[in-house]
């Protein structure tokens, strides 16, 4: 019999690490940002997103009678002087 030399087969070890993520944390953050932006838009536009609402503003100044008593005549005098 022939003398056969037996060598052990080369051993190769391969380690593979696979990580999977569903992205749940990122989806939660994006969803929260969408809610915040929608809330800010609601308050900025005053709850009327169409912008067609009209509002009346009434301003009353008490005690200013003496200061504006001759204002109408003064404005008329300036306007008539400018036309001449």
N, C-alpha and C. Protein backbone atom coordinates (compact mmCIF):
# COMPACT_ATOMS: atom_id res chain seq x y z
N UNK A 1 0.79 -1.16 0.00
CA UNK A 1 0.00 0.00 0.00
C UNK A 1 0.84 1.24 0.00
N UNK A 2 0.29 2.14 -0.62
CA UNK A 2 1.00 3.38 -0.77
C UNK A 2 0.82 4.25 0.46
N UNK A 3 1.78 4.98 0.75
CA UNK A 3 1.72 5.86 1.90
C UNK A 3 1.04 7.18 1.45
N UNK A 4 -0.15 7.36 1.91
CA UNK A 4 -0.87 8.59 1.52
C UNK A 4 -0.82 9.58 2.67
N UNK A 5 -0.54 10.74 2.30
CA UNK A 5 -0.47 11.78 3.32
C UNK A 5 -1.84 12.43 3.43
N UNK A 6 -2.38 12.38 4.60
CA UNK A 6 -3.70 12.97 4.84
C UNK A 6 -3.51 14.34 5.49
N UNK A 7 -4.04 15.35 4.82
CA UNK A 7 -4.00 16.70 5.39
C UNK A 7 -5.42 17.13 5.72
N UNK A 8 -5.57 17.75 6.84
CA UNK A 8 -6.93 18.20 7.18
C UNK A 8 -7.38 19.28 6.20
N UNK A 9 -8.61 19.26 5.90
CA UNK A 9 -9.17 20.25 4.98
C UNK A 9 -9.08 21.64 5.60
N UNK A 10 -8.83 22.60 4.76
CA UNK A 10 -8.78 23.98 5.26
C UNK A 10 -10.16 24.36 5.80
N UNK A 11 -10.12 24.95 6.94
CA UNK A 11 -11.38 25.36 7.54
C UNK A 11 -11.55 26.87 7.37
N UNK A 12 -12.66 27.23 6.77
CA UNK A 12 -12.99 28.64 6.58
C UNK A 12 -14.24 28.93 7.41
N UNK A 13 -14.15 29.95 8.20
CA UNK A 13 -15.31 30.36 9.00
C UNK A 13 -15.72 31.74 8.55
N UNK A 14 -16.98 31.87 8.18
CA UNK A 14 -17.52 33.16 7.75
C UNK A 14 -18.62 33.55 8.72
N UNK A 15 -18.51 34.73 9.27
CA UNK A 15 -19.53 35.23 10.18
C UNK A 15 -20.25 36.39 9.51
N UNK A 16 -21.55 36.28 9.42
CA UNK A 16 -22.36 37.32 8.80
C UNK A 16 -23.34 37.85 9.85
N UNK A 17 -23.32 39.15 10.04
CA UNK A 17 -24.25 39.78 10.97
C UNK A 17 -25.24 40.60 10.17
N UNK A 18 -26.50 40.30 10.32
CA UNK A 18 -27.55 41.00 9.59
C UNK A 18 -28.43 41.72 10.60
N UNK A 19 -28.57 43.02 10.41
CA UNK A 19 -29.43 43.80 11.30
C UNK A 19 -30.60 44.30 10.49
N UNK A 20 -31.77 44.11 11.02
CA UNK A 20 -32.97 44.62 10.35
C UNK A 20 -33.65 45.61 11.28
N UNK A 21 -34.16 46.65 10.69
CA UNK A 21 -34.86 47.67 11.47
C UNK A 21 -36.11 48.07 10.69
N UNK A 22 -37.20 48.20 11.41
CA UNK A 22 -38.44 48.58 10.73
C UNK A 22 -38.57 50.09 10.58
N UNK A 23 -37.72 50.87 11.20
CA UNK A 23 -37.78 52.32 11.08
C UNK A 23 -38.90 52.91 11.91
N UNK A 24 -39.34 52.25 12.93
CA UNK A 24 -40.44 52.73 13.76
C UNK A 24 -40.12 54.02 14.48
N UNK A 25 -38.89 54.17 14.93
CA UNK A 25 -38.49 55.40 15.63
C UNK A 25 -38.51 56.60 14.70
N UNK A 26 -38.01 56.42 13.49
CA UNK A 26 -37.99 57.52 12.52
C UNK A 26 -39.41 57.89 12.11
N UNK A 27 -40.26 56.91 11.93
CA UNK A 27 -41.65 57.18 11.56
C UNK A 27 -42.36 57.96 12.67
N UNK A 28 -42.08 57.63 13.92
CA UNK A 28 -42.68 58.34 15.05
C UNK A 28 -42.24 59.80 15.06
N UNK A 29 -40.96 60.06 14.83
CA UNK A 29 -40.42 61.42 14.82
C UNK A 29 -41.03 62.23 13.68
N UNK A 30 -41.10 61.64 12.49
CA UNK A 30 -41.68 62.35 11.34
C UNK A 30 -43.16 62.64 11.59
N UNK A 31 -43.88 61.69 12.16
CA UNK A 31 -45.29 61.90 12.47
C UNK A 31 -45.48 63.02 13.48
N UNK A 32 -44.63 63.08 14.49
CA UNK A 32 -44.72 64.14 15.50
C UNK A 32 -44.46 65.51 14.86
N UNK A 33 -43.49 65.58 13.96
CA UNK A 33 -43.21 66.85 13.29
C UNK A 33 -44.38 67.30 12.42
N UNK A 34 -45.03 66.36 11.76
CA UNK A 34 -46.20 66.71 10.93
C UNK A 34 -47.32 67.28 11.80
N UNK A 35 -47.54 66.69 12.96
CA UNK A 35 -48.58 67.17 13.87
C UNK A 35 -48.24 68.57 14.38
N UNK A 36 -46.99 68.82 14.71
CA UNK A 36 -46.57 70.15 15.20
C UNK A 36 -46.75 71.21 14.11
N UNK A 37 -46.35 70.91 12.89
CA UNK A 37 -46.49 71.87 11.80
C UNK A 37 -47.96 72.15 11.51
N UNK A 38 -48.80 71.11 11.54
CA UNK A 38 -50.23 71.31 11.31
C UNK A 38 -50.84 72.18 12.41
N UNK A 39 -50.43 71.98 13.66
CA UNK A 39 -50.93 72.80 14.76
C UNK A 39 -50.51 74.25 14.62
N UNK A 40 -49.26 74.48 14.25
CA UNK A 40 -48.80 75.85 14.04
C UNK A 40 -49.54 76.53 12.91
N UNK A 41 -49.79 75.82 11.83
CA UNK A 41 -50.53 76.39 10.70
C UNK A 41 -51.94 76.76 11.13
N UNK A 42 -52.55 75.95 11.96
CA UNK A 42 -53.91 76.23 12.43
C UNK A 42 -53.94 77.52 13.25
N UNK A 43 -52.96 77.69 14.14
CA UNK A 43 -52.95 78.89 14.97
C UNK A 43 -52.52 80.13 14.19
N UNK A 44 -51.62 79.98 13.23
CA UNK A 44 -51.17 81.13 12.44
C UNK A 44 -52.32 81.67 11.59
N UNK A 45 -53.08 80.77 10.99
CA UNK A 45 -54.18 81.19 10.14
C UNK A 45 -55.47 81.43 10.93
N UNK A 46 -55.42 81.35 12.23
CA UNK A 46 -56.56 81.66 13.08
C UNK A 46 -57.71 80.69 12.95
N UNK A 47 -57.43 79.49 12.55
CA UNK A 47 -58.49 78.49 12.45
C UNK A 47 -59.27 78.59 11.16
N UNK A 48 -59.02 79.60 10.34
CA UNK A 48 -59.71 79.74 9.07
C UNK A 48 -58.68 79.54 7.96
N UNK A 49 -58.62 78.34 7.45
CA UNK A 49 -57.60 78.03 6.45
C UNK A 49 -57.91 78.65 5.10
N UNK A 50 -59.19 79.03 4.84
CA UNK A 50 -59.52 79.63 3.56
C UNK A 50 -59.15 81.11 3.51
N UNK A 51 -58.98 81.76 4.65
CA UNK A 51 -58.55 83.16 4.69
C UNK A 51 -59.63 84.13 4.27
N UNK A 52 -60.88 83.69 4.12
CA UNK A 52 -61.94 84.56 3.64
C UNK A 52 -62.71 85.25 4.74
N UNK A 53 -62.34 85.06 5.98
CA UNK A 53 -63.08 85.67 7.07
C UNK A 53 -62.80 87.15 7.19
N UNK A 54 -63.85 87.93 7.45
CA UNK A 54 -63.68 89.36 7.65
C UNK A 54 -63.89 89.66 9.12
N UNK A 55 -63.19 90.65 9.61
CA UNK A 55 -63.36 91.04 11.00
C UNK A 55 -63.45 92.55 11.07
N UNK A 56 -64.33 93.04 11.94
CA UNK A 56 -64.47 94.48 12.16
C UNK A 56 -63.60 94.90 13.33
N UNK A 57 -62.94 96.03 13.17
CA UNK A 57 -62.09 96.55 14.23
C UNK A 57 -62.64 97.92 14.61
N UNK A 58 -63.01 98.07 15.86
CA UNK A 58 -63.50 99.35 16.37
C UNK A 58 -62.51 99.87 17.39
N UNK A 59 -62.07 101.11 17.18
CA UNK A 59 -61.12 101.72 18.10
C UNK A 59 -61.76 102.96 18.69
N UNK A 60 -61.78 103.04 20.00
CA UNK A 60 -62.34 104.18 20.70
C UNK A 60 -61.26 104.79 21.58
N UNK A 61 -61.06 106.10 21.42
CA UNK A 61 -60.08 106.80 22.25
C UNK A 61 -60.85 107.79 23.10
N UNK A 62 -60.86 107.58 24.39
CA UNK A 62 -61.55 108.47 25.31
C UNK A 62 -60.63 109.60 25.75
N UNK A 63 -61.18 110.80 25.82
CA UNK A 63 -60.41 111.94 26.32
C UNK A 63 -59.57 112.63 25.27
N UNK A 64 -59.76 112.34 23.99
CA UNK A 64 -58.96 112.96 22.95
C UNK A 64 -59.73 114.08 22.25
N UNK A 65 -60.87 114.49 22.79
CA UNK A 65 -61.72 115.50 22.15
C UNK A 65 -61.03 116.83 21.96
N UNK A 66 -60.29 117.30 22.97
CA UNK A 66 -59.62 118.60 22.87
C UNK A 66 -58.51 118.58 21.83
N UNK A 67 -57.85 117.46 21.69
CA UNK A 67 -56.71 117.38 20.78
C UNK A 67 -57.14 117.38 19.32
N UNK A 68 -58.33 116.87 19.01
CA UNK A 68 -58.75 116.76 17.62
C UNK A 68 -59.85 117.74 17.26
N UNK A 69 -60.13 118.68 18.16
CA UNK A 69 -61.24 119.60 17.95
C UNK A 69 -61.09 120.41 16.67
N UNK A 70 -59.95 120.96 16.40
CA UNK A 70 -59.76 121.79 15.21
C UNK A 70 -59.05 121.07 14.09
N UNK A 71 -58.88 119.76 14.20
CA UNK A 71 -58.12 119.03 13.19
C UNK A 71 -58.81 119.02 11.85
N UNK A 72 -60.13 118.89 11.81
CA UNK A 72 -60.84 118.85 10.53
C UNK A 72 -60.68 120.15 9.77
N UNK A 73 -60.82 121.29 10.47
CA UNK A 73 -60.66 122.58 9.80
C UNK A 73 -59.23 122.78 9.31
N UNK A 74 -58.25 122.32 10.09
CA UNK A 74 -56.85 122.47 9.69
C UNK A 74 -56.55 121.66 8.45
N UNK A 75 -57.09 120.45 8.38
CA UNK A 75 -56.85 119.60 7.21
C UNK A 75 -57.53 120.21 5.98
N UNK A 76 -58.74 120.77 6.15
CA UNK A 76 -59.41 121.41 5.02
C UNK A 76 -58.63 122.62 4.53
N UNK A 77 -58.06 123.38 5.47
CA UNK A 77 -57.28 124.55 5.10
C UNK A 77 -56.04 124.17 4.33
N UNK A 78 -55.37 123.09 4.74
CA UNK A 78 -54.16 122.63 4.02
C UNK A 78 -54.53 122.12 2.65
N UNK A 79 -55.65 121.38 2.55
CA UNK A 79 -56.06 120.82 1.27
C UNK A 79 -56.45 121.93 0.29
N UNK A 80 -57.15 122.96 0.77
CA UNK A 80 -57.55 124.04 -0.13
C UNK A 80 -56.33 124.89 -0.52
N UNK A 81 -55.37 125.01 0.36
CA UNK A 81 -54.15 125.75 0.03
C UNK A 81 -53.30 125.02 -0.99
N UNK A 82 -53.34 123.70 -0.98
CA UNK A 82 -52.56 122.93 -1.94
C UNK A 82 -53.18 122.99 -3.33
N UNK A 83 -54.50 123.15 -3.40
CA UNK A 83 -55.19 123.20 -4.69
C UNK A 83 -55.00 124.55 -5.38
N UNK A 84 -54.67 125.59 -4.66
CA UNK A 84 -54.53 126.93 -5.24
C UNK A 84 -53.26 127.13 -5.96
